[in-house]
Amino acid sequence: MPNAVILDAQSLGPDINLTAIRDAVTHLEIHQQSTTAQARERLADAEIAIVNKVRLDAETLSQLTSLRLICVLATGLNNIDLDAAKAHNIIVKNVSAYGTASVSQHTLMLMLSLANRLPRYQADIADGKWQASDFFCLQDHPTLQLAGKQLVMVGQGELGSEVARLAEAFGMQVTFAARPGNEQNDQRPSLDDLLPSADVISLHCPLNDATKHLLNKERLAKAKPSLLIVNCARGGIIDEEAALEALRSGSIGGLAVDVLPAEPPKDGHALLDALANAEPLNLIVTPHNAWITPEARQNIVGLTADNIHAWQTENH
């Protein structure tokens, strides 16, 4: 069996059992974090690299003469130079559908929180407005009953389909939009056609040339002033600054994101500034943690072990 090295085990968390991967290899060397430069040294004798977000570029891969398999502990492959891997006969395998329940749950949490104006009412309580009220409840921010409302989904994969199923349990009317950039060959209605009647938009599509700033200033201008937007896909699918301006002006009713264009956002972001300034907005930002339930992270380990076994079967 092969030797394997995990470059950034910390991304899985300390509570995850790696036994399934250990059992699939001769020796497993574990590093909590690695830079690209460190990866070159640590993978020098490895046949299998197990990596989440560490960048493995063409220069690095060209130096790793023993490497035969890269197992990515995620779905996205942006950090791997796939052309270089192919040129050096290195197989790249990722994992998918490991966090469907986890991300779907998080998406619905964001949707429900926006619909019930949770950020606004939490801020009011912190400001003492309920405590000083003459009435038994606060009604300053009208909430949105999801039953009967129109949910527009962008992305009809396993995750989008599960979010749709859960939303239908709340009585929502769900419509999937055509794949952005392929509207002419898609029987589903376009996002532009659906947007004016949408009460909620939930994004579950990849970030590419067709989806970058999919929800931009022009499209947001067509929305209902009550529209809620949830993005648990990739930062940049929304033009976040345009969405923030629409939220501030009352052109949309709520915005919740689990992703930003740069992560972690070390240089800041307009949405984070709005939260830090305690603006009275129906705005939620979560730190790309929709996927992090223990069950989902343990699924990644099992699926990665499956990828190793499949590779061994295919190549021996």
C-alpha atoms as a PDB file:
ATOM      1  CA  MET A   1       0.000   0.000   0.000  1.00  0.00           C
ATOM      2  CA  PRO A   2       1.140   3.568  -0.654  1.00  0.00           C
ATOM      3  CA  ASN A   3       2.541   6.242   1.606  1.00  0.00           C
ATOM      4  CA  ALA A   4       0.289   9.241   2.100  1.00  0.00           C
ATOM      5  CA  VAL A   5       0.664  12.739   3.531  1.00  0.00           C
ATOM      6  CA  ILE A   6      -2.126  15.013   4.758  1.00  0.00           C
ATOM      7  CA  LEU A   7      -1.025  18.619   4.312  1.00  0.00           C
ATOM      8  CA  ASP A   8      -3.761  20.508   6.182  1.00  0.00           C
ATOM      9  CA  ALA A   9      -5.563  18.196   8.593  1.00  0.00           C
ATOM     10  CA  GLN A  10      -6.619  21.200  10.654  1.00  0.00           C
ATOM     11  CA  SER A  11      -9.248  21.950   8.011  1.00  0.00           C
ATOM     12  CA  LEU A  12     -11.136  18.833   9.126  1.00  0.00           C
ATOM     13  CA  GLY A  13     -11.044  19.779  12.805  1.00  0.00           C
ATOM     14  CA  PRO A  14      -9.555  17.982  15.820  1.00  0.00           C
ATOM     15  CA  ASP A  15     -12.584  15.767  16.483  1.00  0.00           C
ATOM     16  CA  ILE A  16     -12.468  13.783  13.228  1.00  0.00           C
ATOM     17  CA  ASN A  17     -11.389  10.133  13.137  1.00  0.00           C
ATOM     18  CA  LEU A  18      -8.871   9.421  10.365  1.00  0.00           C
ATOM     19  CA  THR A  19      -8.886   5.623  10.803  1.00  0.00           C
ATOM     20  CA  ALA A  20     -10.503   4.966   7.412  1.00  0.00           C
ATOM     21  CA  ILE A  21      -7.648   6.756   5.642  1.00  0.00           C
ATOM     22  CA  ARG A  22      -4.972   5.162   7.863  1.00  0.00           C
ATOM     23  CA  ASP A  23      -6.327   1.717   6.981  1.00  0.00           C
ATOM     24  CA  ALA A  24      -6.079   2.485   3.255  1.00  0.00           C
ATOM     25  CA  VAL A  25      -2.358   3.329   3.230  1.00  0.00           C
ATOM     26  CA  THR A  26       0.937   1.922   4.501  1.00  0.00           C
ATOM     27  CA  HIS A  27       1.897   5.052   6.376  1.00  0.00           C
ATOM     28  CA  LEU A  28       0.013   8.306   6.989  1.00  0.00           C
ATOM     29  CA  GLU A  29       1.981  11.436   7.817  1.00  0.00           C
ATOM     30  CA  ILE A  30      -0.181  14.234   9.197  1.00  0.00           C
ATOM     31  CA  HIS A  31       0.506  17.973   9.105  1.00  0.00           C
ATOM     32  CA  GLN A  32      -2.005  20.413  10.546  1.00  0.00           C
ATOM     33  CA  GLN A  33      -1.084  23.194   8.114  1.00  0.00           C
ATOM     34  CA  SER A  34       1.301  23.563   5.170  1.00  0.00           C
ATOM     35  CA  THR A  35       2.430  26.243   2.786  1.00  0.00           C
ATOM     36  CA  THR A  36       3.066  25.416  -0.854  1.00  0.00           C
ATOM     37  CA  ALA A  37       6.803  25.553  -0.179  1.00  0.00           C
ATOM     38  CA  GLN A  38       6.435  23.143   2.746  1.00  0.00           C
ATOM     39  CA  ALA A  39       4.302  20.862   0.594  1.00  0.00           C
ATOM     40  CA  ARG A  40       7.212  20.315  -1.791  1.00  0.00           C
ATOM     41  CA  GLU A  41       9.352  19.037   1.055  1.00  0.00           C
ATOM     42  CA  ARG A  42       6.668  17.062   2.834  1.00  0.00           C
ATOM     43  CA  LEU A  43       5.462  15.313  -0.331  1.00  0.00           C
ATOM     44  CA  ALA A  44       8.955  14.431  -1.593  1.00  0.00           C
ATOM     45  CA  ASP A  45       8.493  10.682  -1.010  1.00  0.00           C
ATOM     46  CA  ALA A  46       4.713  10.492  -0.954  1.00  0.00           C
ATOM     47  CA  GLU A  47       2.612   8.608  -3.461  1.00  0.00           C
ATOM     48  CA  ILE A  48      -0.596  10.218  -2.218  1.00  0.00           C
ATOM     49  CA  ALA A  49      -1.143  13.852  -1.265  1.00  0.00           C
ATOM     50  CA  ILE A  50      -4.258  14.543   0.798  1.00  0.00           C
ATOM     51  CA  VAL A  51      -5.068  18.235   0.738  1.00  0.00           C
ATOM     52  CA  ASN A  52      -7.906  20.673   1.264  1.00  0.00           C
ATOM     53  CA  LYS A  53      -6.826  24.227   0.455  1.00  0.00           C
ATOM     54  CA  VAL A  54      -3.032  24.085   0.060  1.00  0.00           C
ATOM     55  CA  ARG A  55      -2.016  25.297  -3.386  1.00  0.00           C
ATOM     56  CA  LEU A  56      -0.264  22.634  -5.493  1.00  0.00           C
ATOM     57  CA  ASP A  57       0.991  24.529  -8.531  1.00  0.00           C
ATOM     58  CA  ALA A  58       2.810  23.383 -11.650  1.00  0.00           C
ATOM     59  CA  GLU A  59       6.260  24.021 -10.214  1.00  0.00           C
ATOM     60  CA  THR A  60       5.467  21.995  -7.124  1.00  0.00           C
ATOM     61  CA  LEU A  61       3.986  19.068  -9.023  1.00  0.00           C
ATOM     62  CA  SER A  62       6.944  18.938 -11.399  1.00  0.00           C
ATOM     63  CA  GLN A  63       9.249  18.239  -8.438  1.00  0.00           C
ATOM     64  CA  LEU A  64       7.157  15.441  -6.883  1.00  0.00           C
ATOM     65  CA  THR A  65       8.353  12.454  -8.864  1.00  0.00           C
ATOM     66  CA  SER A  66       6.815   9.867  -6.519  1.00  0.00           C
ATOM     67  CA  LEU A  67       3.354  11.458  -6.431  1.00  0.00           C
ATOM     68  CA  ARG A  68       0.638   9.442  -8.132  1.00  0.00           C
ATOM     69  CA  LEU A  69      -2.625  10.584  -6.514  1.00  0.00           C
ATOM     70  CA  ILE A  70      -3.991  13.824  -5.063  1.00  0.00           C
ATOM     71  CA  CYS A  71      -7.048  13.442  -2.849  1.00  0.00           C
ATOM     72  CA  VAL A  72      -8.804  16.751  -2.292  1.00  0.00           C
ATOM     73  CA  LEU A  73     -10.799  16.937   0.949  1.00  0.00           C
ATOM     74  CA  ALA A  74     -13.432  19.090  -0.753  1.00  0.00           C
ATOM     75  CA  THR A  75     -15.378  19.435  -3.978  1.00  0.00           C
ATOM     76  CA  GLY A  76     -13.557  22.439  -5.434  1.00  0.00           C
ATOM     77  CA  LEU A  77     -10.277  21.849  -7.292  1.00  0.00           C
ATOM     78  CA  ASN A  78      -9.202  25.475  -7.738  1.00  0.00           C
ATOM     79  CA  ASN A  79      -6.030  24.996  -5.693  1.00  0.00           C
ATOM     80  CA  ILE A  80      -4.678  22.180  -7.895  1.00  0.00           C
ATOM     81  CA  ASP A  81      -3.023  22.840 -11.269  1.00  0.00           C
ATOM     82  CA  LEU A  82      -5.005  20.159 -13.084  1.00  0.00           C
ATOM     83  CA  ASP A  83      -3.135  20.534 -16.381  1.00  0.00           C
ATOM     84  CA  ALA A  84       0.200  20.020 -14.628  1.00  0.00           C
ATOM     85  CA  ALA A  85      -1.162  17.033 -12.720  1.00  0.00           C
ATOM     86  CA  LYS A  86      -2.323  15.437 -15.966  1.00  0.00           C
ATOM     87  CA  ALA A  87       1.029  16.129 -17.629  1.00  0.00           C
ATOM     88  CA  HIS A  88       2.801  14.282 -14.794  1.00  0.00           C
ATOM     89  CA  ASN A  89       0.269  11.401 -14.765  1.00  0.00           C
ATOM     90  CA  ILE A  90      -1.027  12.362 -11.320  1.00  0.00           C
ATOM     91  CA  ILE A  91      -4.654  11.417 -10.722  1.00  0.00           C
ATOM     92  CA  VAL A  92      -6.788  13.998  -8.889  1.00  0.00           C
ATOM     93  CA  LYS A  93      -9.889  12.899  -6.976  1.00  0.00           C
ATOM     94  CA  ASN A  94     -12.264  15.083  -4.977  1.00  0.00           C
ATOM     95  CA  VAL A  95     -15.282  14.417  -2.771  1.00  0.00           C
ATOM     96  CA  SER A  96     -18.838  15.584  -3.305  1.00  0.00           C
ATOM     97  CA  ALA A  97     -22.217  15.372  -1.600  1.00  0.00           C
ATOM     98  CA  TYR A  98     -20.524  14.891   1.778  1.00  0.00           C
ATOM     99  CA  GLY A  99     -22.250  17.899   3.325  1.00  0.00           C
ATOM    100  CA  THR A 100     -25.649  17.947   1.648  1.00  0.00           C
ATOM    101  CA  ALA A 101     -27.580  17.729   4.927  1.00  0.00           C
ATOM    102  CA  SER A 102     -25.239  20.160   6.681  1.00  0.00           C
ATOM    103  CA  VAL A 103     -25.300  22.876   3.999  1.00  0.00           C
ATOM    104  CA  SER A 104     -29.031  22.469   3.399  1.00  0.00           C
ATOM    105  CA  GLN A 105     -29.701  22.934   7.101  1.00  0.00           C
ATOM    106  CA  HIS A 106     -27.522  26.063   7.166  1.00  0.00           C
ATOM    107  CA  THR A 107     -29.229  27.457   4.056  1.00  0.00           C
ATOM    108  CA  LEU A 108     -32.668  27.051   5.606  1.00  0.00           C
ATOM    109  CA  MET A 109     -31.412  28.588   8.858  1.00  0.00           C
ATOM    110  CA  LEU A 110     -30.296  31.685   6.962  1.00  0.00           C
ATOM    111  CA  MET A 111     -33.548  31.822   5.012  1.00  0.00           C
ATOM    112  CA  LEU A 112     -35.683  31.531   8.141  1.00  0.00           C
ATOM    113  CA  SER A 113     -33.572  34.057  10.035  1.00  0.00           C
ATOM    114  CA  LEU A 114     -33.945  36.622   7.262  1.00  0.00           C
ATOM    115  CA  ALA A 115     -37.665  35.935   6.899  1.00  0.00           C
ATOM    116  CA  ASN A 116     -38.200  36.539  10.616  1.00  0.00           C
ATOM    117  CA  ARG A 117     -35.886  39.578  10.680  1.00  0.00           C
ATOM    118  CA  LEU A 118     -33.766  37.926  13.339  1.00  0.00           C
ATOM    119  CA  PRO A 119     -30.796  40.314  12.957  1.00  0.00           C
ATOM    120  CA  ARG A 120     -33.053  43.347  13.414  1.00  0.00           C
ATOM    121  CA  TYR A 121     -34.930  42.014  16.424  1.00  0.00           C
ATOM    122  CA  GLN A 122     -31.775  40.753  18.110  1.00  0.00           C
ATOM    123  CA  ALA A 123     -30.295  44.236  17.722  1.00  0.00           C
ATOM    124  CA  ASP A 124     -33.480  45.806  19.125  1.00  0.00           C
ATOM    125  CA  ILE A 125     -33.329  43.607  22.211  1.00  0.00           C
ATOM    126  CA  ALA A 126     -29.646  44.419  22.698  1.00  0.00           C
ATOM    127  CA  ASP A 127     -30.607  48.107  22.498  1.00  0.00           C
ATOM    128  CA  GLY A 128     -33.281  47.652  25.185  1.00  0.00           C
ATOM    129  CA  LYS A 129     -36.240  48.400  22.889  1.00  0.00           C
ATOM    130  CA  TRP A 130     -38.321  45.408  24.017  1.00  0.00           C
ATOM    131  CA  GLN A 131     -37.566  46.106  27.650  1.00  0.00           C
ATOM    132  CA  ALA A 132     -38.803  49.704  27.253  1.00  0.00           C
ATOM    133  CA  SER A 133     -41.824  48.835  25.096  1.00  0.00           C
ATOM    134  CA  ASP A 134     -45.350  49.755  26.162  1.00  0.00           C
ATOM    135  CA  PHE A 135     -46.612  46.672  24.324  1.00  0.00           C
ATOM    136  CA  PHE A 136     -45.882  42.988  24.968  1.00  0.00           C
ATOM    137  CA  CYS A 137     -44.143  42.430  21.615  1.00  0.00           C
ATOM    138  CA  LEU A 138     -42.175  44.306  19.004  1.00  0.00           C
ATOM    139  CA  GLN A 139     -43.568  44.630  15.478  1.00  0.00           C
ATOM    140  CA  ASP A 140     -41.254  47.229  13.957  1.00  0.00           C
ATOM    141  CA  HIS A 141     -39.869  44.918  11.259  1.00  0.00           C
ATOM    142  CA  PRO A 142     -42.571  43.070   9.309  1.00  0.00           C
ATOM    143  CA  THR A 143     -41.675  39.405   8.886  1.00  0.00           C
ATOM    144  CA  LEU A 144     -42.182  37.206   5.833  1.00  0.00           C
ATOM    145  CA  GLN A 145     -44.314  34.071   6.013  1.00  0.00           C
ATOM    146  CA  LEU A 146     -42.591  31.554   3.755  1.00  0.00           C
ATOM    147  CA  ALA A 147     -45.705  29.477   3.038  1.00  0.00           C
ATOM    148  CA  GLY A 148     -46.941  30.292  -0.435  1.00  0.00           C
ATOM    149  CA  LYS A 149     -43.913  32.378  -1.333  1.00  0.00           C
ATOM    150  CA  GLN A 150     -41.824  31.941  -4.475  1.00  0.00           C
ATOM    151  CA  LEU A 151     -38.335  30.468  -3.991  1.00  0.00           C
ATOM    152  CA  VAL A 152     -36.042  30.723  -7.006  1.00  0.00           C
ATOM    153  CA  MET A 153     -33.152  28.271  -6.968  1.00  0.00           C
ATOM    154  CA  VAL A 154     -30.013  28.683  -9.055  1.00  0.00           C
ATOM    155  CA  GLY A 155     -28.427  25.234  -9.161  1.00  0.00           C
ATOM    156  CA  GLN A 156     -30.330  21.938  -9.324  1.00  0.00           C
ATOM    157  CA  GLY A 157     -27.656  19.516  -8.171  1.00  0.00           C
ATOM    158  CA  GLU A 158     -27.945  17.330  -5.105  1.00  0.00           C
ATOM    159  CA  LEU A 159     -27.615  20.282  -2.746  1.00  0.00           C
ATOM    160  CA  GLY A 160     -30.037  22.565  -4.547  1.00  0.00           C
ATOM    161  CA  SER A 161     -32.556  19.753  -4.816  1.00  0.00           C
ATOM    162  CA  GLU A 162     -32.361  19.058  -1.074  1.00  0.00           C
ATOM    163  CA  VAL A 163     -32.810  22.746  -0.190  1.00  0.00           C
ATOM    164  CA  ALA A 164     -35.852  22.771  -2.475  1.00  0.00           C
ATOM    165  CA  ARG A 165     -37.300  19.726  -0.711  1.00  0.00           C
ATOM    166  CA  LEU A 166     -36.892  21.335   2.693  1.00  0.00           C
ATOM    167  CA  ALA A 167     -38.347  24.629   1.484  1.00  0.00           C
ATOM    168  CA  GLU A 168     -41.390  22.826   0.107  1.00  0.00           C
ATOM    169  CA  ALA A 169     -41.986  21.480   3.614  1.00  0.00           C
ATOM    170  CA  PHE A 170     -42.541  25.111   4.630  1.00  0.00           C
ATOM    171  CA  GLY A 171     -45.077  25.463   1.825  1.00  0.00           C
ATOM    172  CA  MET A 172     -42.870  27.421  -0.539  1.00  0.00           C
ATOM    173  CA  GLN A 173     -43.343  27.328  -4.302  1.00  0.00           C
ATOM    174  CA  VAL A 174     -39.966  26.330  -5.745  1.00  0.00           C
ATOM    175  CA  THR A 175     -38.762  27.071  -9.278  1.00  0.00           C
ATOM    176  CA  PHE A 176     -35.313  26.236 -10.633  1.00  0.00           C
ATOM    177  CA  ALA A 177     -33.742  28.791 -12.941  1.00  0.00           C
ATOM    178  CA  ALA A 178     -31.985  27.875 -16.172  1.00  0.00           C
ATOM    179  CA  ARG A 179     -28.250  27.337 -15.968  1.00  0.00           C
ATOM    180  CA  PRO A 180     -26.632  30.778 -16.274  1.00  0.00           C
ATOM    181  CA  GLY A 181     -24.986  31.188 -19.651  1.00  0.00           C
ATOM    182  CA  ASN A 182     -26.980  28.321 -21.176  1.00  0.00           C
ATOM    183  CA  GLU A 183     -30.482  29.809 -21.109  1.00  0.00           C
ATOM    184  CA  GLN A 184     -31.146  29.225 -24.815  1.00  0.00           C
ATOM    185  CA  ASN A 185     -30.610  25.473 -24.457  1.00  0.00           C
ATOM    186  CA  ASP A 186     -32.418  25.123 -21.135  1.00  0.00           C
ATOM    187  CA  GLN A 187     -36.140  24.490 -20.813  1.00  0.00           C
ATOM    188  CA  ARG A 188     -36.248  26.044 -17.364  1.00  0.00           C
ATOM    189  CA  PRO A 189     -37.122  29.761 -17.122  1.00  0.00           C
ATOM    190  CA  SER A 190     -34.244  32.226 -16.949  1.00  0.00           C
ATOM    191  CA  LEU A 191     -33.277  34.031 -13.785  1.00  0.00           C
ATOM    192  CA  ASP A 192     -34.225  37.313 -15.482  1.00  0.00           C
ATOM    193  CA  ASP A 193     -37.744  35.990 -16.104  1.00  0.00           C
ATOM    194  CA  LEU A 194     -38.108  34.705 -12.531  1.00  0.00           C
ATOM    195  CA  LEU A 195     -36.505  37.538 -10.633  1.00  0.00           C
ATOM    196  CA  PRO A 196     -39.391  40.062 -10.571  1.00  0.00           C
ATOM    197  CA  SER A 197     -41.712  37.558  -8.850  1.00  0.00           C
ATOM    198  CA  ALA A 198     -39.104  35.967  -6.560  1.00  0.00           C
ATOM    199  CA  ASP A 199     -39.582  36.247  -2.803  1.00  0.00           C
ATOM    200  CA  VAL A 200     -36.376  34.352  -2.011  1.00  0.00           C
ATOM    201  CA  ILE A 201     -33.346  33.480  -4.166  1.00  0.00           C
ATOM    202  CA  SER A 202     -30.970  30.734  -3.020  1.00  0.00           C
ATOM    203  CA  LEU A 203     -27.699  30.164  -4.866  1.00  0.00           C
ATOM    204  CA  HIS A 204     -26.184  26.685  -5.254  1.00  0.00           C
ATOM    205  CA  CYS A 205     -24.099  27.027  -8.419  1.00  0.00           C
ATOM    206  CA  PRO A 206     -20.357  27.183  -9.134  1.00  0.00           C
ATOM    207  CA  LEU A 207     -18.493  30.449  -9.619  1.00  0.00           C
ATOM    208  CA  ASN A 208     -17.469  30.853 -13.248  1.00  0.00           C
ATOM    209  CA  ASP A 209     -17.564  33.441 -16.012  1.00  0.00           C
ATOM    210  CA  ALA A 210     -21.327  32.997 -16.408  1.00  0.00           C
ATOM    211  CA  THR A 211     -22.127  33.298 -12.689  1.00  0.00           C
ATOM    212  CA  LYS A 212     -19.695  35.987 -11.513  1.00  0.00           C
ATOM    213  CA  HIS A 213     -21.838  38.888 -10.228  1.00  0.00           C
ATOM    214  CA  LEU A 214     -24.929  36.999 -11.397  1.00  0.00           C
ATOM    215  CA  LEU A 215     -26.929  39.151  -9.000  1.00  0.00           C
ATOM    216  CA  ASN A 216     -25.661  42.591  -9.953  1.00  0.00           C
ATOM    217  CA  LYS A 217     -26.978  46.138  -9.675  1.00  0.00           C
ATOM    218  CA  GLU A 218     -29.096  45.829 -12.832  1.00  0.00           C
ATOM    219  CA  ARG A 219     -30.765  42.586 -11.804  1.00  0.00           C
ATOM    220  CA  LEU A 220     -31.296  43.719  -8.214  1.00  0.00           C
ATOM    221  CA  ALA A 221     -33.151  46.749  -9.553  1.00  0.00           C
ATOM    222  CA  LYS A 222     -35.808  44.357 -10.913  1.00  0.00           C
ATOM    223  CA  ALA A 223     -36.376  42.655  -7.547  1.00  0.00           C
ATOM    224  CA  LYS A 224     -39.215  43.023  -5.103  1.00  0.00           C
ATOM    225  CA  PRO A 225     -38.283  45.286  -2.189  1.00  0.00           C
ATOM    226  CA  SER A 226     -39.024  42.279   0.042  1.00  0.00           C
ATOM    227  CA  LEU A 227     -36.622  39.896  -1.772  1.00  0.00           C
ATOM    228  CA  LEU A 228     -34.393  37.754   0.430  1.00  0.00           C
ATOM    229  CA  ILE A 229     -31.073  36.511  -0.989  1.00  0.00           C
ATOM    230  CA  VAL A 230     -29.105  33.562   0.409  1.00  0.00           C
ATOM    231  CA  ASN A 231     -25.672  32.574  -0.890  1.00  0.00           C
ATOM    232  CA  CYS A 232     -24.095  29.360   0.409  1.00  0.00           C
ATOM    233  CA  ALA A 233     -22.277  28.714  -2.875  1.00  0.00           C
ATOM    234  CA  ARG A 234     -19.280  30.942  -3.668  1.00  0.00           C
ATOM    235  CA  GLY A 235     -18.394  34.536  -2.947  1.00  0.00           C
ATOM    236  CA  GLY A 236     -18.625  36.745  -6.007  1.00  0.00           C
ATOM    237  CA  ILE A 237     -21.750  35.137  -7.466  1.00  0.00           C
ATOM    238  CA  ILE A 238     -23.446  38.128  -5.874  1.00  0.00           C
ATOM    239  CA  ASP A 239     -22.017  41.594  -6.399  1.00  0.00           C
ATOM    240  CA  GLU A 240     -21.915  42.005  -2.629  1.00  0.00           C
ATOM    241  CA  GLU A 241     -21.411  45.759  -2.673  1.00  0.00           C
ATOM    242  CA  ALA A 242     -24.368  46.259  -5.005  1.00  0.00           C
ATOM    243  CA  ALA A 243     -26.469  43.955  -2.813  1.00  0.00           C
ATOM    244  CA  LEU A 244     -25.443  45.869   0.289  1.00  0.00           C
ATOM    245  CA  GLU A 245     -26.451  49.156  -1.326  1.00  0.00           C
ATOM    246  CA  ALA A 246     -29.795  47.625  -2.343  1.00  0.00           C
ATOM    247  CA  LEU A 247     -30.311  46.458   1.231  1.00  0.00           C
ATOM    248  CA  ARG A 248     -29.452  49.879   2.648  1.00  0.00           C
ATOM    249  CA  SER A 249     -31.849  51.608   0.257  1.00  0.00           C
ATOM    250  CA  GLY A 250     -34.699  49.165   0.901  1.00  0.00           C
ATOM    251  CA  SER A 251     -34.590  47.767  -2.642  1.00  0.00           C
ATOM    252  CA  ILE A 252     -34.268  44.241  -1.216  1.00  0.00           C
ATOM    253  CA  GLY A 253     -35.428  42.852   2.121  1.00  0.00           C
ATOM    254  CA  GLY A 254     -32.547  40.721   3.352  1.00  0.00           C
ATOM    255  CA  LEU A 255     -29.134  39.308   2.533  1.00  0.00           C
ATOM    256  CA  ALA A 256     -27.350  36.300   4.031  1.00  0.00           C
ATOM    257  CA  VAL A 257     -24.015  34.911   2.850  1.00  0.00           C
ATOM    258  CA  ASP A 258     -21.790  32.078   4.046  1.00  0.00           C
ATOM    259  CA  VAL A 259     -19.092  32.941   1.519  1.00  0.00           C
ATOM    260  CA  LEU A 260     -17.026  35.941   0.441  1.00  0.00           C
ATOM    261  CA  PRO A 261     -14.739  36.423  -2.587  1.00  0.00           C
ATOM    262  CA  ALA A 262     -11.555  36.177  -0.471  1.00  0.00           C
ATOM    263  CA  GLU A 263     -11.439  33.765   2.455  1.00  0.00           C
ATOM    264  CA  PRO A 264     -10.473  34.383   5.141  1.00  0.00           C
ATOM    265  CA  PRO A 265     -11.270  38.072   4.471  1.00  0.00           C
ATOM    266  CA  LYS A 266      -8.013  39.404   5.908  1.00  0.00           C
ATOM    267  CA  ASP A 267      -8.368  42.689   4.037  1.00  0.00           C
ATOM    268  CA  GLY A 268     -11.934  43.183   5.214  1.00  0.00           C
ATOM    269  CA  HIS A 269     -15.138  43.432   3.184  1.00  0.00           C
ATOM    270  CA  ALA A 270     -18.033  45.851   2.885  1.00  0.00           C
ATOM    271  CA  LEU A 271     -20.469  43.357   4.425  1.00  0.00           C
ATOM    272  CA  LEU A 272     -18.219  42.893   7.447  1.00  0.00           C
ATOM    273  CA  ASP A 273     -17.897  46.652   7.802  1.00  0.00           C
ATOM    274  CA  ALA A 274     -21.679  46.950   7.848  1.00  0.00           C
ATOM    275  CA  LEU A 275     -21.903  44.373  10.632  1.00  0.00           C
ATOM    276  CA  ALA A 276     -19.080  45.984  12.616  1.00  0.00           C
ATOM    277  CA  ASN A 277     -20.786  49.363  12.340  1.00  0.00           C
ATOM    278  CA  ALA A 278     -23.983  47.821  13.689  1.00  0.00           C
ATOM    279  CA  GLU A 279     -26.056  49.180  10.834  1.00  0.00           C
ATOM    280  CA  PRO A 280     -29.772  48.383  11.248  1.00  0.00           C
ATOM    281  CA  LEU A 281     -29.863  45.888   8.391  1.00  0.00           C
ATOM    282  CA  ASN A 282     -31.421  42.473   7.798  1.00  0.00           C
ATOM    283  CA  LEU A 283     -27.945  41.117   7.099  1.00  0.00           C
ATOM    284  CA  ILE A 284     -26.213  37.876   8.108  1.00  0.00           C
ATOM    285  CA  VAL A 285     -22.643  36.795   7.353  1.00  0.00           C
ATOM    286  CA  THR A 286     -21.432  33.370   8.489  1.00  0.00           C
ATOM    287  CA  PRO A 287     -17.766  32.267   8.177  1.00  0.00           C
ATOM    288  CA  HIS A 288     -18.022  29.640   5.410  1.00  0.00           C
ATOM    289  CA  ASN A 289     -19.139  27.077   7.961  1.00  0.00           C
ATOM    290  CA  ALA A 290     -22.321  25.684   6.410  1.00  0.00           C
ATOM    291  CA  TRP A 291     -20.448  22.425   5.768  1.00  0.00           C
ATOM    292  CA  ILE A 292     -18.846  21.878   9.200  1.00  0.00           C
ATOM    293  CA  THR A 293     -21.169  19.503  11.052  1.00  0.00           C
ATOM    294  CA  PRO A 294     -19.146  16.586  12.479  1.00  0.00           C
ATOM    295  CA  GLU A 295     -21.171  14.214  10.318  1.00  0.00           C
ATOM    296  CA  ALA A 296     -20.218  16.061   7.124  1.00  0.00           C
ATOM    297  CA  ARG A 297     -16.528  16.254   8.030  1.00  0.00           C
ATOM    298  CA  GLN A 298     -16.454  12.560   8.903  1.00  0.00           C
ATOM    299  CA  ASN A 299     -18.105  11.827   5.556  1.00  0.00           C
ATOM    300  CA  ILE A 300     -15.119  13.512   3.871  1.00  0.00           C
ATOM    301  CA  VAL A 301     -12.758  11.031   5.522  1.00  0.00           C
ATOM    302  CA  GLY A 302     -14.812   8.051   4.423  1.00  0.00           C
ATOM    303  CA  LEU A 303     -15.180   9.300   0.855  1.00  0.00           C
ATOM    304  CA  THR A 304     -11.449  10.035   0.661  1.00  0.00           C
ATOM    305  CA  ALA A 305     -10.654   6.498   1.807  1.00  0.00           C
ATOM    306  CA  ASP A 306     -13.045   5.253  -0.896  1.00  0.00           C
ATOM    307  CA  ASN A 307     -11.125   7.330  -3.460  1.00  0.00           C
ATOM    308  CA  ILE A 308      -7.836   5.764  -2.362  1.00  0.00           C
ATOM    309  CA  HIS A 309      -9.262   2.240  -2.571  1.00  0.00           C
ATOM    310  CA  ALA A 310     -10.736   2.966  -6.012  1.00  0.00           C
ATOM    311  CA  TRP A 311      -7.406   4.318  -7.264  1.00  0.00           C
ATOM    312  CA  GLN A 312      -5.571   1.247  -5.988  1.00  0.00           C
ATOM    313  CA  THR A 313      -8.077  -1.011  -7.726  1.00  0.00           C
ATOM    314  CA  GLU A 314      -7.777   0.929 -10.985  1.00  0.00           C
ATOM    315  CA  ASN A 315      -3.964   0.972 -10.983  1.00  0.00           C
ATOM    316  CA  HIS A 316      -2.937  -2.389  -9.549  1.00  0.00           C
END
